[in-house]
Amino acid sequence: MVDIELNGPSGPIGIGALIDSGADCSLLNIQFAKEAGIDLTKARSGKMLGIGSEDDVYYMNVEIRLKDFPKPITVRAGFIDSDNVVALLGQAGFFDAYRIKFEKDHDTFEISEAPKP
C-alpha cells in the first residue's frame, strides 16, 4: 500500500492505493472521481467482469502523485462503482514512471523514479 494524491478540478485528494503488477491499468473507485471533481461524461466506457458481476468502468488519463515524490505523473485509470474496489495502481503509466522492487523474503518493497530514456 502507498499513499497517493489524485489531482482534479476540486483539488488533490488523498487515497491509500495497492500496487498491482498484474493489473494493466490503474483502477479507482468512482467516488474518488466525484470528490476530485473529475468529469467522467467524456470518458471511454466499458465493462469489467468481477466475481459474480459485470460493472461499468470509465477510462481516462488522470494525474496522481506519490506521497514523498515531488512530481505528479499521468496514468490511465478506470473508475468503477464497486464496493470491492478502492484503488489499484497498475502497469499503464505507473510502472513506466517508477521502478518497483518487491522483496518478499525481506517483506519489503521499494519505489524509485525510473530512469528517463
C-alpha atoms as a PDB file:
ATOM      1  CA  MET A   1       0.000   0.000   0.000  1.00  0.00           C
ATOM      2  CA  VAL A   2       1.150   3.525  -0.831  1.00  0.00           C
ATOM      3  CA  ASP A   3      -0.342   6.965  -0.292  1.00  0.00           C
ATOM      4  CA  ILE A   4      -1.179   8.942  -3.434  1.00  0.00           C
ATOM      5  CA  GLU A   5      -2.879  12.183  -4.332  1.00  0.00           C
ATOM      6  CA  LEU A   6      -5.393  12.185  -7.179  1.00  0.00           C
ATOM      7  CA  ASN A   7      -5.468  15.615  -8.819  1.00  0.00           C
ATOM      8  CA  GLY A   8      -8.724  17.023 -10.129  1.00  0.00           C
ATOM      9  CA  PRO A   9     -10.554  20.317 -10.628  1.00  0.00           C
ATOM     10  CA  SER A  10     -11.671  20.295  -6.973  1.00  0.00           C
ATOM     11  CA  GLY A  11      -8.060  19.869  -5.824  1.00  0.00           C
ATOM     12  CA  PRO A  12      -5.995  16.858  -4.801  1.00  0.00           C
ATOM     13  CA  ILE A  13      -7.478  14.120  -2.624  1.00  0.00           C
ATOM     14  CA  GLY A  14      -5.509  11.587  -0.610  1.00  0.00           C
ATOM     15  CA  ILE A  15      -6.004   7.868  -1.289  1.00  0.00           C
ATOM     16  CA  GLY A  16      -4.373   4.692   0.010  1.00  0.00           C
ATOM     17  CA  ALA A  17      -3.632   2.542  -3.046  1.00  0.00           C
ATOM     18  CA  LEU A  18      -2.440  -1.009  -3.618  1.00  0.00           C
ATOM     19  CA  ILE A  19       0.340  -1.578  -6.173  1.00  0.00           C
ATOM     20  CA  ASP A  20      -0.879  -4.341  -8.503  1.00  0.00           C
ATOM     21  CA  SER A  21       1.711  -5.571 -11.013  1.00  0.00           C
ATOM     22  CA  GLY A  22      -0.913  -7.867 -12.566  1.00  0.00           C
ATOM     23  CA  ALA A  23      -3.279  -5.040 -13.497  1.00  0.00           C
ATOM     24  CA  ASP A  24      -2.983  -3.495 -16.973  1.00  0.00           C
ATOM     25  CA  CYS A  25      -4.195  -0.110 -15.798  1.00  0.00           C
ATOM     26  CA  SER A  26      -4.995   1.593 -12.526  1.00  0.00           C
ATOM     27  CA  LEU A  27      -8.488   1.148 -11.114  1.00  0.00           C
ATOM     28  CA  LEU A  28     -10.133   3.591  -8.715  1.00  0.00           C
ATOM     29  CA  ASN A  29     -13.490   3.712  -7.022  1.00  0.00           C
ATOM     30  CA  ILE A  30     -15.808   6.136  -8.802  1.00  0.00           C
ATOM     31  CA  GLN A  31     -16.295   8.048  -5.542  1.00  0.00           C
ATOM     32  CA  PHE A  32     -12.760   9.461  -5.892  1.00  0.00           C
ATOM     33  CA  ALA A  33     -13.640  10.991  -9.282  1.00  0.00           C
ATOM     34  CA  LYS A  34     -16.626  12.695  -7.668  1.00  0.00           C
ATOM     35  CA  GLU A  35     -14.543  14.004  -4.738  1.00  0.00           C
ATOM     36  CA  ALA A  36     -11.805  15.335  -7.048  1.00  0.00           C
ATOM     37  CA  GLY A  37     -14.330  16.910  -9.439  1.00  0.00           C
ATOM     38  CA  ILE A  38     -13.322  14.711 -12.381  1.00  0.00           C
ATOM     39  CA  ASP A  39     -15.976  14.715 -15.122  1.00  0.00           C
ATOM     40  CA  LEU A  40     -16.439  11.189 -16.440  1.00  0.00           C
ATOM     41  CA  THR A  41     -19.069  12.065 -19.057  1.00  0.00           C
ATOM     42  CA  LYS A  42     -16.403  12.144 -21.794  1.00  0.00           C
ATOM     43  CA  ALA A  43     -14.528   9.070 -20.531  1.00  0.00           C
ATOM     44  CA  ARG A  44     -14.360   5.913 -22.628  1.00  0.00           C
ATOM     45  CA  SER A  45     -16.647   3.343 -21.037  1.00  0.00           C
ATOM     46  CA  GLY A  46     -16.544  -0.415 -20.952  1.00  0.00           C
ATOM     47  CA  LYS A  47     -17.494  -3.415 -18.854  1.00  0.00           C
ATOM     48  CA  MET A  48     -15.403  -5.200 -16.267  1.00  0.00           C
ATOM     49  CA  LEU A  49     -16.158  -8.732 -15.191  1.00  0.00           C
ATOM     50  CA  GLY A  50     -15.842  -9.397 -11.490  1.00  0.00           C
ATOM     51  CA  ILE A  51     -16.798 -12.236  -9.222  1.00  0.00           C
ATOM     52  CA  GLY A  52     -20.464 -12.744  -9.998  1.00  0.00           C
ATOM     53  CA  SER A  53     -20.967  -9.299 -11.524  1.00  0.00           C
ATOM     54  CA  GLU A  54     -20.353  -7.122 -14.547  1.00  0.00           C
ATOM     55  CA  ASP A  55     -19.678  -3.457 -13.777  1.00  0.00           C
ATOM     56  CA  ASP A  56     -19.397  -0.304 -15.871  1.00  0.00           C
ATOM     57  CA  VAL A  57     -15.919   1.225 -15.908  1.00  0.00           C
ATOM     58  CA  TYR A  58     -14.930   4.689 -17.177  1.00  0.00           C
ATOM     59  CA  TYR A  59     -11.383   5.111 -18.519  1.00  0.00           C
ATOM     60  CA  MET A  60      -9.409   8.323 -18.700  1.00  0.00           C
ATOM     61  CA  ASN A  61      -5.966   9.739 -18.082  1.00  0.00           C
ATOM     62  CA  VAL A  62      -5.577  11.307 -14.655  1.00  0.00           C
ATOM     63  CA  GLU A  63      -2.746  12.879 -12.723  1.00  0.00           C
ATOM     64  CA  ILE A  64      -1.523  11.295  -9.500  1.00  0.00           C
ATOM     65  CA  ARG A  65       1.401  11.960  -7.203  1.00  0.00           C
ATOM     66  CA  LEU A  66       3.028   9.509  -4.836  1.00  0.00           C
ATOM     67  CA  LYS A  67       3.479  10.803  -1.305  1.00  0.00           C
ATOM     68  CA  ASP A  68       7.074  11.988  -0.773  1.00  0.00           C
ATOM     69  CA  PHE A  69       7.705  12.273  -4.531  1.00  0.00           C
ATOM     70  CA  PRO A  70       7.842  15.802  -5.964  1.00  0.00           C
ATOM     71  CA  LYS A  71       6.402  15.291  -9.454  1.00  0.00           C
ATOM     72  CA  PRO A  72       2.958  14.036 -10.439  1.00  0.00           C
ATOM     73  CA  ILE A  73       2.562  11.502 -13.242  1.00  0.00           C
ATOM     74  CA  THR A  74      -0.241  10.745 -15.676  1.00  0.00           C
ATOM     75  CA  VAL A  75      -1.781   7.283 -15.585  1.00  0.00           C
ATOM     76  CA  ARG A  76      -4.612   5.633 -17.472  1.00  0.00           C
ATOM     77  CA  ALA A  77      -7.220   4.792 -14.856  1.00  0.00           C
ATOM     78  CA  GLY A  78     -10.570   3.110 -14.841  1.00  0.00           C
ATOM     79  CA  PHE A  79     -13.206   4.413 -12.446  1.00  0.00           C
ATOM     80  CA  ILE A  80     -15.684   1.834 -11.196  1.00  0.00           C
ATOM     81  CA  ASP A  81     -18.701   1.924  -8.872  1.00  0.00           C
ATOM     82  CA  SER A  82     -17.916  -1.147  -6.781  1.00  0.00           C
ATOM     83  CA  ASP A  83     -17.673  -1.876  -3.077  1.00  0.00           C
ATOM     84  CA  ASN A  84     -14.869  -4.325  -3.944  1.00  0.00           C
ATOM     85  CA  VAL A  85     -12.504  -1.712  -5.441  1.00  0.00           C
ATOM     86  CA  VAL A  86     -10.803   1.118  -3.572  1.00  0.00           C
ATOM     87  CA  ALA A  87      -7.602   1.942  -5.502  1.00  0.00           C
ATOM     88  CA  LEU A  88      -5.200  -0.216  -7.516  1.00  0.00           C
ATOM     89  CA  LEU A  89      -2.097   1.103  -9.292  1.00  0.00           C
ATOM     90  CA  GLY A  90      -1.492  -0.920 -12.464  1.00  0.00           C
ATOM     91  CA  GLN A  91       1.000  -1.084 -15.311  1.00  0.00           C
ATOM     92  CA  ALA A  92      -0.064   1.734 -17.695  1.00  0.00           C
ATOM     93  CA  GLY A  93       1.751   4.906 -16.689  1.00  0.00           C
ATOM     94  CA  PHE A  94       2.648   3.890 -13.144  1.00  0.00           C
ATOM     95  CA  PHE A  95       5.199   1.166 -13.899  1.00  0.00           C
ATOM     96  CA  ASP A  96       6.585   3.348 -16.715  1.00  0.00           C
ATOM     97  CA  ALA A  97       7.342   6.183 -14.295  1.00  0.00           C
ATOM     98  CA  TYR A  98       8.634   4.192 -11.320  1.00  0.00           C
ATOM     99  CA  ARG A  99      10.944   1.278 -10.680  1.00  0.00           C
ATOM    100  CA  ILE A 100       9.174  -1.077  -8.291  1.00  0.00           C
ATOM    101  CA  LYS A 101      11.250  -3.601  -6.355  1.00  0.00           C
ATOM    102  CA  PHE A 102       9.450  -6.293  -4.352  1.00  0.00           C
ATOM    103  CA  GLU A 103      11.476  -8.365  -1.872  1.00  0.00           C
ATOM    104  CA  LYS A 104       9.123 -10.957  -0.474  1.00  0.00           C
ATOM    105  CA  ASP A 105      11.862 -12.688   1.502  1.00  0.00           C
ATOM    106  CA  HIS A 106      12.515  -9.399   3.356  1.00  0.00           C
ATOM    107  CA  ASP A 107       8.827  -8.386   3.437  1.00  0.00           C
ATOM    108  CA  THR A 108       9.651  -5.013   1.832  1.00  0.00           C
ATOM    109  CA  PHE A 109       9.261  -3.102  -1.378  1.00  0.00           C
ATOM    110  CA  GLU A 110      10.985  -0.045  -2.771  1.00  0.00           C
ATOM    111  CA  ILE A 111       9.824   2.625  -5.223  1.00  0.00           C
ATOM    112  CA  SER A 112      12.204   4.914  -7.097  1.00  0.00           C
ATOM    113  CA  GLU A 113      11.839   7.078 -10.170  1.00  0.00           C
ATOM    114  CA  ALA A 114      12.524   5.165 -13.378  1.00  0.00           C
ATOM    115  CA  PRO A 115      15.459   6.442 -15.398  1.00  0.00           C
ATOM    116  CA  LYS A 116      14.409   8.539 -18.377  1.00  0.00           C
ATOM    117  CA  PRO A 117      15.445   7.113 -21.773  1.00  0.00           C
END
